[in-house]
Protein backbone atom coordinates (compact mmCIF):
# COMPACT_ATOMS: atom_id res chain seq x y z
CA MET A 1 -10.75 9.11 28.79
CA PHE A 2 -7.47 9.03 27.18
CA HIS A 3 -8.17 5.64 25.57
CA SER A 4 -11.43 6.93 24.07
CA LEU A 5 -9.78 9.86 22.67
CA VAL A 6 -6.98 7.82 21.14
CA LYS A 7 -9.85 5.65 19.73
CA ALA A 8 -11.89 8.46 18.39
CA ILE A 9 -8.40 9.85 16.74
CA ARG A 10 -7.88 6.52 14.89
CA SER A 11 -11.41 6.32 13.86
CA VAL A 12 -10.81 9.41 12.00
CA TYR A 13 -7.49 8.81 10.39
CA CYS A 14 -8.57 5.32 9.63
CA ILE A 15 -11.62 6.03 7.70
CA ARG A 16 -10.16 5.21 4.37
CA ASP A 17 -9.92 1.83 5.25
CA GLN A 18 -13.55 1.57 5.26
CA PHE A 19 -13.63 2.58 1.56
CA PRO A 20 -13.93 -0.53 -0.99
CA ARG A 21 -11.47 -0.55 -3.91
CA TYR A 22 -13.59 1.16 -6.51
CA MET A 23 -14.61 3.95 -4.17
CA SER A 24 -10.76 4.40 -3.28
CA GLU A 25 -10.33 4.80 -6.98
CA LEU A 26 -12.79 7.52 -7.39
CA LEU A 27 -11.47 9.21 -4.41
CA PHE A 28 -8.06 9.53 -5.66
CA GLN A 29 -9.53 11.01 -8.88
CA GLU A 30 -11.48 13.53 -6.77
CA GLU A 31 -8.28 14.18 -4.55
CA GLN A 32 -6.48 15.25 -8.24
CA MET A 33 -9.40 17.38 -8.85
CA GLY A 34 -9.14 19.18 -5.78
CA ALA A 35 -5.19 19.56 -6.39
CA LEU A 36 -5.82 21.48 -9.74
CA PHE A 37 -8.28 23.39 -7.66
CA ALA A 38 -5.71 24.14 -5.13
CA VAL A 39 -3.31 24.73 -7.80
CA ARG A 40 -5.69 27.57 -9.17
CA PHE A 41 -6.23 29.12 -5.62
CA ARG A 42 -2.54 29.19 -5.29
CA TYR A 43 -2.48 31.56 -8.34
CA VAL A 44 -4.92 33.93 -6.66
CA ILE A 45 -2.92 33.53 -3.31
CA GLY A 46 0.17 34.30 -5.39
CA VAL A 47 -1.35 37.61 -6.97
CA ALA A 48 -2.41 38.56 -3.61
CA LEU A 49 1.28 38.31 -2.14
CA LEU A 50 2.68 40.13 -5.27
CA ALA A 51 -0.01 42.99 -4.71
CA SER A 52 1.10 42.99 -0.88
CA ALA A 53 5.05 43.18 -2.02
CA ILE A 54 4.19 46.00 -4.45
CA ALA A 55 2.15 48.05 -1.88
CA ASN A 56 5.09 47.76 0.76
CA LEU A 57 7.81 48.93 -1.79
CA SER A 58 7.96 52.23 -0.05
CA ASN A 59 8.87 50.47 3.16
CA ILE A 60 12.06 48.80 1.99
CA ASP A 61 15.35 50.74 1.79
CA SER A 62 17.37 47.78 0.57
CA VAL A 63 17.99 46.18 -2.84
CA PHE A 64 18.44 42.89 -1.02
CA GLY A 65 14.92 43.07 0.35
CA TYR A 66 13.43 43.85 -2.91
CA LEU A 67 15.24 41.04 -4.41
CA THR A 68 14.22 38.62 -1.67
CA ASN A 69 10.57 39.26 -1.87
CA PHE A 70 10.18 39.21 -5.60
CA VAL A 71 12.61 36.06 -6.08
CA ALA A 72 10.40 34.29 -3.27
CA ILE A 73 7.08 35.18 -5.42
CA THR A 74 8.75 34.24 -8.50
CA PHE A 75 9.71 31.12 -6.99
CA TYR A 76 6.26 30.36 -5.72
CA PHE A 77 4.66 31.05 -8.99
CA ILE A 78 7.39 28.60 -10.69
CA ASN A 79 6.39 25.84 -8.24
CA THR A 80 2.74 26.54 -8.74
CA PHE A 81 3.10 26.11 -12.76
CA VAL A 82 5.21 22.97 -12.47
CA HIS A 83 2.81 21.48 -10.12
CA SER A 84 0.11 22.11 -12.33
CA GLN A 85 1.77 20.59 -15.28
CA ILE A 86 2.73 17.51 -13.18
CA LEU A 87 -1.00 17.26 -12.39
CA LYS A 88 -2.25 17.57 -15.74
CA LYS A 89 0.46 15.73 -17.90
CA SER A 90 2.01 12.86 -15.01
CA LYS A 91 0.47 9.62 -15.05
CA GLY A 92 2.89 8.18 -12.11
CA HIS A 93 3.35 8.40 -8.50
CA TRP A 94 4.73 12.14 -9.19
CA LYS A 95 1.18 13.28 -8.81
CA THR A 96 1.06 12.38 -5.28
CA LYS A 97 4.58 12.93 -4.15
CA TYR A 98 4.77 16.64 -5.63
CA ASP A 99 2.16 17.66 -3.46
CA TYR A 100 4.52 17.12 -0.57
CA ILE A 101 7.21 18.69 -2.45
CA SER A 102 5.08 21.65 -3.19
CA LEU A 103 4.11 22.22 0.50
CA PHE A 104 7.59 21.92 1.56
CA ILE A 105 8.74 24.67 -0.88
CA ASP A 106 5.78 26.87 0.12
CA ASN A 107 6.75 26.66 4.08
CA LEU A 108 10.37 27.19 2.75
CA LEU A 109 9.51 30.39 0.97
CA ILE A 110 7.57 31.73 4.05
CA SER A 111 10.56 30.91 6.41
CA ILE A 112 13.05 32.55 3.90
CA THR A 113 10.80 35.81 3.65
CA ILE A 114 10.71 35.72 7.68
CA PHE A 115 14.02 35.77 7.83
CA ASN A 116 14.80 38.25 5.25
CA TRP A 117 12.61 40.88 6.97
CA TYR A 118 14.39 39.96 10.43
CA ILE A 119 17.51 40.58 8.66
CA LEU A 120 16.35 44.02 6.91
CA LYS A 121 14.30 45.31 9.96
CA GLY A 122 14.46 43.07 12.92
CA GLN A 123 17.45 45.52 14.35
CA GLY A 124 19.52 42.47 15.27
CA ASN A 125 16.77 41.51 17.71
CA PRO A 126 16.07 37.73 16.96
CA ASN A 127 12.74 37.69 19.02
CA PHE A 128 11.22 39.45 15.79
CA LEU A 129 11.20 35.80 14.11
CA VAL A 130 8.86 34.25 16.80
CA LYS A 131 6.58 37.79 17.33
CA THR A 132 6.68 38.72 13.72
CA PRO A 133 2.77 38.61 12.39
CA LEU A 134 3.96 36.98 9.08
CA VAL A 135 4.07 33.78 10.90
CA VAL A 136 0.38 33.86 9.93
CA PHE A 137 1.11 33.12 6.28
CA TYR A 138 2.03 29.38 7.54
CA LEU A 139 -1.68 29.02 7.39
CA LEU A 140 -1.98 29.43 3.75
CA PRO A 141 -0.24 26.01 2.98
CA LEU A 142 -2.37 24.16 5.45
CA SER A 143 -5.57 25.62 4.30
CA LEU A 144 -5.03 24.20 0.55
CA CYS A 145 -4.88 20.92 2.31
CA LEU A 146 -8.28 20.96 2.68
CA PHE A 147 -9.22 20.49 -0.99
CA GLN A 148 -7.59 17.07 -1.28
CA TYR A 149 -9.16 14.88 1.69
CA ARG A 150 -5.77 13.78 2.61
CA PHE A 151 -4.92 13.76 6.36
CA SER A 152 -1.10 13.07 5.66
CA LEU A 153 -1.03 16.38 3.86
CA VAL A 154 -2.46 18.30 6.74
CA ASN A 155 -0.06 16.60 8.92
CA PHE A 156 3.07 17.22 6.71
CA SER A 157 2.13 20.91 6.60
CA PHE A 158 1.82 20.94 10.56
CA VAL A 159 5.42 19.34 10.85
CA CYS A 160 6.71 21.93 8.18
CA PHE A 161 5.49 24.58 10.46
CA LEU A 162 6.83 23.17 13.47
CA ILE A 163 10.25 22.79 12.23
CA SER A 164 10.23 26.43 11.11
CA TYR A 165 8.96 28.01 13.98
CA TYR A 166 10.78 26.02 16.53
CA GLY A 167 13.88 26.49 14.53
CA PHE A 168 13.28 30.12 14.81
CA ILE A 169 12.99 29.78 18.48
CA LEU A 170 16.04 27.86 18.90
CA PHE A 171 18.10 30.71 16.91
CA THR A 172 16.68 33.21 19.18
CA LEU A 173 17.66 31.17 22.39
CA VAL A 174 21.36 30.90 21.00
CA ASP A 175 21.62 34.55 20.05
CA SER A 176 23.00 36.68 22.66
CA HIS A 177 20.79 39.82 21.48
CA SER A 178 17.54 37.70 22.51
CA VAL A 179 15.77 39.42 25.43
CA ILE A 180 13.74 36.89 27.36
CA GLY A 181 11.42 38.17 30.02
CA TYR A 182 7.98 38.07 31.85
CA ASP A 183 6.49 41.41 31.00
CA TRP A 184 3.64 41.04 28.87
CA HIS A 185 3.43 44.81 27.80
CA GLN A 186 7.32 44.31 26.70
CA TYR A 187 6.20 40.84 25.08
CA VAL A 188 3.28 42.34 23.13
CA LEU A 189 4.55 46.05 22.30
CA GLY A 190 8.28 45.72 22.94
CA ASN A 191 11.49 43.85 22.64
CA GLU A 192 11.00 40.78 25.11
CA ILE A 193 9.74 37.54 24.50
CA ILE A 194 7.81 35.41 27.04
CA LEU A 195 9.69 31.74 26.03
CA SER A 196 6.76 29.89 27.82
CA ASP A 197 4.15 31.51 25.69
CA ALA A 198 6.10 31.55 22.48
CA LEU A 199 6.57 27.65 22.71
CA VAL A 200 3.28 27.08 23.24
CA SER A 201 0.53 29.80 22.07
CA LYS A 202 1.14 29.66 18.17
CA PRO A 203 1.70 26.02 17.97
CA ALA A 204 -1.58 25.22 19.86
CA VAL A 205 -3.53 27.52 17.39
CA TYR A 206 -2.04 25.87 14.26
CA LEU A 207 -2.79 22.37 16.09
CA ILE A 208 -6.30 23.59 16.92
CA LEU A 209 -6.63 24.41 13.08
CA VAL A 210 -4.99 20.86 12.05
CA PHE A 211 -7.66 19.05 14.00
CA ALA A 212 -10.80 21.21 12.78
CA ILE A 213 -9.47 20.84 8.87
CA SER A 214 -8.66 17.02 9.40
CA TYR A 215 -11.98 16.69 11.22
CA ALA A 216 -13.78 18.63 8.15
CA ILE A 217 -12.08 16.07 5.97
CA PHE A 218 -13.09 13.29 7.82
CA ARG A 219 -16.89 14.50 7.63
CA SER A 220 -16.57 14.70 3.99
CA LEU A 221 -15.22 11.51 3.48
CA ARG A 222 -17.73 10.04 5.94
CA MET A 223 -20.70 11.74 4.12
CA LEU A 224 -19.25 10.37 1.03
CA LEU A 225 -19.04 6.95 2.21
CA LYS A 226 -22.49 7.11 3.33
CA PHE A 227 -23.97 8.24 0.11
CA ALA A 228 -21.99 5.83 -1.88
CA SER A 229 -23.13 3.17 0.18
CA ALA A 230 -26.59 4.55 -0.08
CA GLU A 231 -26.43 4.29 -3.85
CA SER A 232 -25.06 1.06 -3.75
CA GLN A 233 -27.70 -0.39 -1.53
CA LYS A 234 -30.36 1.42 -3.87
CA ILE A 235 -28.70 -0.26 -7.13
CA THR A 236 -28.55 -3.77 -5.24
CA LEU A 237 -32.03 -3.24 -3.96
CA SER A 238 -33.29 -2.16 -7.32
CA ARG A 239 -32.82 -5.47 -8.68
CA TYR A 240 -35.16 -7.05 -6.26
CA PHE A 241 -37.64 -4.33 -5.34
CA SER A 242 -39.60 -2.09 -7.30
CA PRO A 243 -38.37 1.84 -7.31
CA ASP A 244 -41.53 2.47 -4.79
CA LEU A 245 -40.42 -0.23 -2.39
CA VAL A 246 -36.73 0.74 -2.72
CA ALA A 247 -37.31 4.28 -1.78
CA GLU A 248 -39.38 2.81 1.23
CA ILE A 249 -36.51 0.54 2.23
CA VAL A 250 -33.59 2.87 2.36
CA SER A 251 -35.57 5.57 4.32
CA GLU A 252 -36.19 2.92 6.72
CA PRO A 253 -33.69 0.18 6.71
CA GLU A 254 -34.95 -1.77 9.82
CA VAL A 255 -37.85 -2.82 7.75
CA ILE A 256 -35.52 -5.65 6.31
CA ALA A 257 -32.85 -5.88 8.98
CA LYS A 258 -35.41 -7.54 11.34
CA GLY A 259 -37.04 -10.83 10.32
CA LYS A 260 -40.60 -11.19 10.86
CA ARG A 261 -43.65 -13.26 10.31
CA GLN A 262 -46.31 -11.78 7.84
CA LYS A 263 -48.78 -12.96 5.30
CA VAL A 264 -47.18 -12.77 1.63
CA THR A 265 -48.32 -13.94 -1.64
CA VAL A 266 -45.69 -15.65 -3.49
CA LEU A 267 -45.48 -16.32 -7.48
CA PHE A 268 -43.10 -19.05 -9.09
CA SER A 269 -42.83 -19.49 -12.70
CA ASP A 270 -40.54 -21.14 -14.90
CA ILE A 271 -39.95 -22.25 -18.87
CA ARG A 272 -41.57 -25.25 -19.99
CA GLY A 273 -39.14 -27.75 -21.64
CA PHE A 274 -36.11 -25.64 -20.74
CA THR A 275 -33.47 -27.93 -20.76
CA GLN A 276 -34.30 -29.20 -24.34
CA PHE A 277 -34.88 -25.83 -25.26
CA SER A 278 -31.69 -24.64 -24.11
CA GLU A 279 -29.16 -27.50 -25.28
CA PRO A 280 -28.59 -26.36 -28.59
CA MET A 281 -27.69 -22.77 -27.50
CA ASP A 282 -23.89 -21.88 -26.65
CA PRO A 283 -23.08 -20.25 -23.42
CA GLU A 284 -23.32 -16.52 -24.95
CA GLU A 285 -26.70 -16.95 -26.77
CA LEU A 286 -28.15 -18.72 -23.46
CA SER A 287 -26.92 -15.48 -21.46
CA ILE A 288 -28.62 -13.24 -23.89
CA PHE A 289 -31.81 -15.27 -23.99
CA LEU A 290 -32.16 -15.70 -19.97
CA THR A 291 -31.04 -12.05 -19.67
CA GLU A 292 -33.81 -10.95 -21.96
CA PHE A 293 -36.48 -13.26 -20.37
CA ARG A 294 -35.72 -12.03 -17.22
CA ARG A 295 -35.97 -8.51 -17.84
CA ARG A 296 -39.47 -8.86 -19.39
CA MET A 297 -40.55 -10.81 -16.66
CA VAL A 298 -39.31 -8.45 -13.67
CA ARG A 299 -40.75 -5.47 -15.32
CA ALA A 300 -44.06 -7.01 -15.35
CA ILE A 301 -43.52 -8.10 -11.60
CA PHE A 302 -42.19 -4.68 -10.56
CA GLN A 303 -45.32 -2.94 -12.56
CA TYR A 304 -47.40 -4.28 -9.47
CA LYS A 305 -45.22 -3.55 -6.65
CA GLY A 306 -43.82 -7.14 -6.67
CA SER A 307 -40.38 -7.92 -5.32
CA LEU A 308 -37.82 -10.37 -7.02
CA ASP A 309 -36.82 -12.69 -4.47
CA LYS A 310 -34.65 -14.90 -6.89
CA PHE A 311 -34.01 -16.29 -10.19
CA ILE A 312 -33.18 -20.02 -10.26
CA GLY A 313 -32.03 -20.68 -13.82
CA ASP A 314 -34.92 -20.19 -15.87
CA ALA A 315 -37.32 -19.80 -12.81
CA VAL A 316 -38.64 -16.80 -11.33
CA MET A 317 -39.85 -16.41 -7.78
CA ALA A 318 -41.66 -13.10 -6.73
CA THR A 319 -43.23 -11.94 -3.69
CA PHE A 320 -46.05 -9.36 -3.22
CA GLY A 321 -46.32 -7.75 0.25
CA THR A 322 -42.77 -7.68 1.13
CA PRO A 323 -41.01 -6.18 2.79
CA SER A 324 -44.46 -4.76 4.27
CA ALA A 325 -47.86 -5.88 3.36
CA SER A 326 -50.45 -3.73 1.51
CA GLU A 327 -52.82 -2.06 3.81
CA THR A 328 -55.70 -3.06 1.89
CA GLU A 329 -56.89 -6.69 2.60
CA GLY A 330 -56.39 -9.01 -0.48
CA GLU A 331 -54.67 -6.29 -2.52
CA ASP A 332 -51.16 -8.35 -2.44
CA SER A 333 -52.69 -11.24 -4.17
CA LYS A 334 -54.35 -8.85 -6.62
CA ASN A 335 -51.19 -7.47 -7.71
CA ALA A 336 -49.97 -10.98 -7.89
CA VAL A 337 -52.42 -12.02 -10.50
CA LEU A 338 -52.39 -8.74 -12.38
CA ALA A 339 -48.21 -9.23 -12.50
CA ALA A 340 -48.89 -12.76 -13.89
CA LYS A 341 -51.11 -11.81 -16.35
CA SER A 342 -48.61 -9.04 -17.36
CA MET A 343 -46.03 -11.67 -17.67
CA LEU A 344 -48.04 -13.59 -20.21
CA ASN A 345 -48.86 -10.56 -21.93
CA GLU A 346 -44.86 -9.76 -22.00
CA LEU A 347 -44.29 -13.40 -23.32
CA ASP A 348 -47.08 -13.01 -25.90
CA GLN A 349 -45.46 -9.98 -27.44
CA TRP A 350 -41.83 -11.66 -27.15
CA ASN A 351 -43.18 -14.85 -29.04
CA GLN A 352 -44.42 -12.48 -31.90
CA GLU A 353 -40.89 -11.06 -32.27
CA ARG A 354 -39.45 -14.59 -32.02
CA VAL A 355 -41.63 -16.12 -34.57
CA ALA A 356 -40.85 -13.20 -36.95
CA GLU A 357 -37.31 -13.91 -36.45
CA GLY A 358 -37.48 -17.71 -37.06
CA LEU A 359 -37.13 -18.69 -33.70
CA LYS A 360 -39.37 -20.86 -31.35
CA GLU A 361 -41.73 -19.81 -29.13
CA ILE A 362 -41.40 -19.99 -25.59
CA LYS A 363 -44.30 -21.28 -22.99
CA ILE A 364 -44.13 -20.82 -19.00
CA GLY A 365 -46.15 -21.87 -16.09
CA ILE A 366 -47.02 -19.72 -13.33
CA GLY A 367 -48.22 -20.57 -9.77
CA ILE A 368 -49.40 -18.35 -7.03
CA HIS A 369 -50.21 -18.91 -3.26
CA THR A 370 -50.91 -16.63 -0.41
CA GLY A 371 -50.14 -17.62 3.27
CA GLU A 372 -47.76 -16.78 6.15
CA VAL A 373 -44.28 -16.72 5.70
CA PHE A 374 -41.00 -15.75 7.54
CA CYS A 375 -39.21 -12.97 5.55
CA GLY A 376 -36.03 -11.25 6.45
CA SER A 377 -32.58 -11.07 5.88
CA ILE A 378 -30.47 -14.34 6.30
CA GLY A 379 -27.02 -15.66 5.72
CA SER A 380 -23.79 -15.07 6.85
CA GLU A 381 -22.23 -11.58 7.57
CA ASP A 382 -20.35 -11.25 4.54
CA ARG A 383 -23.42 -12.15 2.33
CA MET A 384 -26.82 -11.64 3.59
CA GLU A 385 -29.79 -12.01 1.58
CA TYR A 386 -33.45 -10.85 1.69
CA THR A 387 -35.84 -13.72 1.28
CA VAL A 388 -39.03 -15.62 2.23
CA ILE A 389 -39.28 -19.02 3.44
CA GLY A 390 -42.10 -21.35 4.76
CA ASP A 391 -44.67 -23.57 3.64
CA THR A 392 -46.41 -21.10 1.54
CA VAL A 393 -43.32 -20.73 -0.73
CA ASN A 394 -42.96 -24.63 -1.15
CA THR A 395 -46.61 -24.59 -1.98
CA ALA A 396 -46.52 -21.72 -4.71
CA SER A 397 -43.62 -23.62 -6.33
CA ARG A 398 -45.66 -26.87 -6.49
CA ILE A 399 -48.87 -25.24 -7.85
CA GLU A 400 -46.53 -23.87 -10.48
CA SER A 401 -45.35 -27.48 -11.19
CA ALA A 402 -49.23 -28.63 -11.40
CA CYS A 403 -49.56 -26.24 -14.41
CA LYS A 404 -47.85 -28.93 -16.73
CA ASP A 405 -49.85 -31.55 -15.17
CA LEU A 406 -53.16 -29.89 -15.85
CA GLY A 407 -52.11 -28.38 -19.11
CA VAL A 408 -52.44 -24.83 -18.41
CA SER A 409 -49.88 -21.74 -17.92
CA PHE A 410 -51.40 -20.34 -14.98
CA LEU A 411 -52.79 -21.20 -11.50
CA ILE A 412 -53.59 -20.03 -8.14
CA SER A 413 -54.69 -21.52 -5.22
CA GLU A 414 -58.11 -21.16 -3.63
CA ALA A 415 -56.77 -18.89 -0.94
CA VAL A 416 -55.69 -16.51 -3.63
CA TRP A 417 -58.90 -16.60 -5.42
CA MET A 418 -60.93 -15.70 -2.42
CA GLU A 419 -58.51 -13.08 -1.52
CA THR A 420 -59.00 -11.29 -5.14
CA GLY A 421 -62.78 -11.32 -4.18
CA SER A 422 -63.95 -14.84 -6.01
CA PRO A 423 -63.57 -13.16 -9.32
CA VAL A 424 -65.54 -14.83 -12.23
CA GLY A 425 -63.50 -15.91 -15.22
CA TRP A 426 -61.86 -18.56 -13.31
CA ASP A 427 -62.33 -22.32 -13.68
CA LYS A 428 -62.21 -24.35 -10.85
CA LYS A 429 -59.79 -27.33 -11.48
CA GLU A 430 -59.98 -30.66 -9.88
CA SER A 431 -58.58 -30.81 -6.45
CA VAL A 432 -55.16 -32.22 -6.28
CA THR A 433 -52.54 -33.51 -3.97
CA LEU A 434 -49.45 -31.67 -4.22
CA PRO A 435 -46.08 -33.30 -3.38
CA GLY A 436 -45.29 -32.98 0.20
CA ARG A 437 -48.94 -32.21 1.08
CA GLU A 438 -51.31 -34.90 2.56
CA GLN A 439 -54.62 -32.67 2.10
CA LYS A 440 -55.80 -31.89 -1.31
CA ILE A 441 -56.07 -28.06 -2.54
CA ASN A 442 -58.19 -26.48 -5.02
CA LEU A 443 -56.64 -24.47 -7.80
CA TYR A 444 -58.13 -22.27 -10.33
CA ALA A 445 -57.03 -21.37 -13.73
CA PRO A 446 -58.36 -18.30 -15.92
CA ASN A 447 -60.58 -19.61 -18.28
CA MET A 448 -58.46 -18.23 -21.44
CA ALA A 449 -55.40 -20.35 -20.11
């Protein structure tokens, strides 16, 4: 039981360790924004304290009382102003350090004010220091810690309170005028103090609030971590899946977490003569070219619910029916064919632009096959990759390679042709034996290819 409690507390206070570096920097910026908001709120508290001091002018019969109250409030405003200027202008560690200095000053001013009231109105009974309702003001600095997401500030404020409060108790025990008893009536309404209750009750209430505020900070940080992880996951997935599929995967992460065998349509494409084409290019020019080529191809793939499996240099591998197959039989193959045609249209438009700029045209080959594969996340713990593997993938790659031998830009297997409804407008090519396969396979090409 105790071990579980310690483990739970440790998980709360160590949540920052789970944040990646870039998020830690963002969190620091949010903390500084929270500190600025806390400073503004401190001004509101200062005005309320000033109003309270003015309202109690008639109850003070000593110049010393006036001076102590208004000097304390003046120092409070000075401290608040200095804190705000450091947050706005300082670029070093003072931004963080002064948070603790400010908390210490706040607690010190509260302690001085309480002790001043004891001197003025305590009638020589130090029990006033422990029993006074002014102790509640120690909660104000603590509450402001909630704006900054830092457990250390909450703990520091708690320590400041404990030092002040138990310092008052120690002063009470040392003073000979202190009356210690066990009568609750005298404890609440009289001059006595029940030491056991004084030692435990108020610190216990304060400690409960410390845990409550710490847990509120923990919840906020955990929520921030979850949101950031979800957004990061969306950004990563959006590189490989269409927007509709990203929403489905994020809402049901187990879809890609568990591997499974299913029917998938695989599309392969690469640039013809890319090696000779790219040799004259410098690295920057080649990077710009590949980025634009991939952007256009991926746009066509995503348009028809395809998923980008990977880029391999100039080659593109896409899948249709991942992570979940379409409900309608043959729809994935139809989408793959439509995506391939869209890729060729994108390429035609780009070639027109390139020719107008005096650049060479680009030619690609596309091969599509459908069949059963294994799809899921594979790799090590620190680098997982969602992909598909199986004979269907190898066959699709070899169909794409056959485009060059058959002098066409687009080929599909007979299985794909049949799944799309055996449409007209396709020419059946001679049966070919693909590398690595013993049986011949029938291939089809659009008659405009």
